[in-house]
Amino acid sequence: LSDPEVIATYKALIGGVNTNQHISELFYTAGSRRGRKILSDFLTTQQKYPISTACAEKVSILFFSALKGEFHIKNLLGLDTQDDAKQFSQHVDQVVEWVMLCLKHESSKEAALNT
């Protein structure tokens, strides 16, 4: 989220989104969509909290959206995030905790519907 090359790439794509839609689609497919697919596939195969593919896709979107949050937008806007390293680590821990709670809840809901 804070790699200068990634930030520069995001900025370049955002600046050129109206002129080269194909490049934007390639970047999205190779980045965001791919990351969500990897997480979603993992979530459907883990055994502790079984969930459907549709639910896994939603949870993966939730995870990445919550993970990026303020840190991503601050980086895109060129705002200083150097002092945020410790806060970011705490943020990651909190997001994982929230997603695990969500995963547990959704697994319980789906199990109740299937009984």
Protein backbone atom coordinates (compact mmCIF):
# COMPACT_ATOMS: atom_id res chain seq x y z
CA LEU A 1 0.00 0.00 0.00
CA SER A 2 2.90 2.37 0.48
CA ASP A 3 5.39 1.19 -2.17
CA PRO A 4 6.36 4.32 -4.13
CA GLU A 5 6.27 2.45 -7.47
CA VAL A 6 2.76 1.15 -6.78
CA ILE A 7 1.58 4.62 -5.77
CA ALA A 8 3.10 6.12 -8.93
CA THR A 9 1.38 3.47 -11.05
CA TYR A 10 -1.98 4.15 -9.42
CA LYS A 11 -1.56 7.89 -9.98
CA ALA A 12 -0.60 7.40 -13.62
CA LEU A 13 -3.59 5.15 -14.23
CA ILE A 14 -5.98 7.48 -12.47
CA GLY A 15 -4.67 10.36 -14.56
CA GLY A 16 -5.11 8.44 -17.80
CA VAL A 17 -8.31 6.56 -17.06
CA ASN A 18 -10.26 8.52 -19.65
CA THR A 19 -7.66 8.08 -22.37
CA ASN A 20 -6.73 4.40 -22.05
CA GLN A 21 -9.44 2.24 -20.55
CA HIS A 22 -7.70 -0.97 -21.68
CA ILE A 23 -4.63 -0.28 -19.53
CA SER A 24 -6.87 0.42 -16.52
CA GLU A 25 -8.69 -2.87 -17.03
CA LEU A 26 -5.41 -4.78 -17.28
CA PHE A 27 -4.11 -3.17 -14.09
CA TYR A 28 -7.35 -3.92 -12.24
CA THR A 29 -7.42 -7.53 -13.44
CA ALA A 30 -3.78 -8.20 -12.55
CA GLY A 31 -3.99 -6.40 -9.20
CA SER A 32 -7.21 -5.90 -7.28
CA ARG A 33 -9.29 -8.58 -8.95
CA ARG A 34 -6.46 -11.14 -8.77
CA GLY A 35 -5.83 -10.47 -5.07
CA ARG A 36 -9.51 -10.85 -4.25
CA LYS A 37 -9.70 -14.08 -6.26
CA ILE A 38 -6.73 -15.58 -4.42
CA LEU A 39 -8.24 -14.70 -1.04
CA SER A 40 -11.72 -15.82 -2.08
CA ASP A 41 -10.40 -19.17 -3.30
CA PHE A 42 -8.55 -19.66 -0.02
CA LEU A 43 -11.64 -18.78 2.03
CA THR A 44 -13.73 -21.39 0.22
CA THR A 45 -11.17 -24.12 0.94
CA GLN A 46 -10.39 -23.40 4.59
CA GLN A 47 -12.23 -25.75 6.95
CA LYS A 48 -12.70 -23.76 10.16
CA TYR A 49 -15.44 -21.46 8.85
CA PRO A 50 -16.89 -22.97 5.67
CA ILE A 51 -18.62 -20.45 3.42
CA SER A 52 -19.99 -20.35 -0.11
CA THR A 53 -18.10 -18.93 -3.06
CA ALA A 54 -20.45 -15.93 -3.21
CA CYS A 55 -19.85 -15.16 0.45
CA ALA A 56 -16.09 -15.63 0.07
CA GLU A 57 -16.07 -13.09 -2.74
CA LYS A 58 -17.89 -10.56 -0.56
CA VAL A 59 -15.58 -11.19 2.41
CA SER A 60 -12.51 -10.74 0.21
CA ILE A 61 -13.85 -7.38 -1.01
CA LEU A 62 -14.50 -6.39 2.59
CA PHE A 63 -10.97 -7.39 3.60
CA PHE A 64 -9.15 -5.44 0.91
CA SER A 65 -11.42 -2.40 1.21
CA ALA A 66 -10.96 -2.23 4.98
CA LEU A 67 -7.24 -2.94 4.68
CA LYS A 68 -6.56 -0.08 2.27
CA GLY A 69 -8.74 2.47 4.00
CA GLU A 70 -7.19 5.80 4.88
CA PHE A 71 -3.61 4.66 4.26
CA HIS A 72 -4.18 4.05 0.56
CA ILE A 73 -5.94 7.33 -0.09
CA LYS A 74 -3.31 9.28 1.89
CA ASN A 75 -0.59 7.70 -0.26
CA LEU A 76 -2.44 8.48 -3.48
CA LEU A 77 -2.84 12.08 -2.38
CA GLY A 78 0.85 12.35 -1.52
CA LEU A 79 0.23 12.88 2.18
CA ASP A 80 2.92 11.80 4.63
CA THR A 81 2.37 8.32 6.03
CA GLN A 82 5.83 7.74 7.50
CA ASP A 83 4.62 8.19 11.08
CA ASP A 84 1.76 5.81 10.39
CA ALA A 85 3.83 2.58 10.20
CA LYS A 86 2.94 1.45 13.72
CA GLN A 87 -0.67 2.52 13.25
CA PHE A 88 -0.80 0.61 9.98
CA SER A 89 0.44 -2.57 11.66
CA GLN A 90 -2.27 -2.18 14.30
CA HIS A 91 -4.78 -1.47 11.55
CA VAL A 92 -3.87 -4.70 9.74
CA ASP A 93 -4.32 -6.69 12.97
CA GLN A 94 -7.72 -5.06 13.54
CA VAL A 95 -8.89 -5.71 9.97
CA VAL A 96 -7.89 -9.38 10.23
CA GLU A 97 -9.79 -9.64 13.53
CA TRP A 98 -12.90 -8.04 12.00
CA VAL A 99 -12.76 -10.26 8.93
CA MET A 100 -12.38 -13.37 11.08
CA LEU A 101 -15.47 -12.32 13.06
CA CYS A 102 -17.34 -11.73 9.82
CA LEU A 103 -16.19 -15.08 8.46
CA LYS A 104 -17.35 -16.87 11.61
CA HIS A 105 -20.71 -15.07 11.50
CA GLU A 106 -21.32 -15.77 7.81
CA SER A 107 -20.32 -19.40 8.23
CA SER A 108 -22.81 -19.79 11.09
CA LYS A 109 -25.56 -18.11 9.03
CA GLU A 110 -24.95 -20.37 6.05
CA ALA A 111 -24.84 -23.47 8.26
CA ALA A 112 -28.19 -22.52 9.84
CA LEU A 113 -29.75 -22.02 6.42
CA ASN A 114 -28.52 -25.43 5.28
CA THR A 115 -29.97 -27.36 8.23
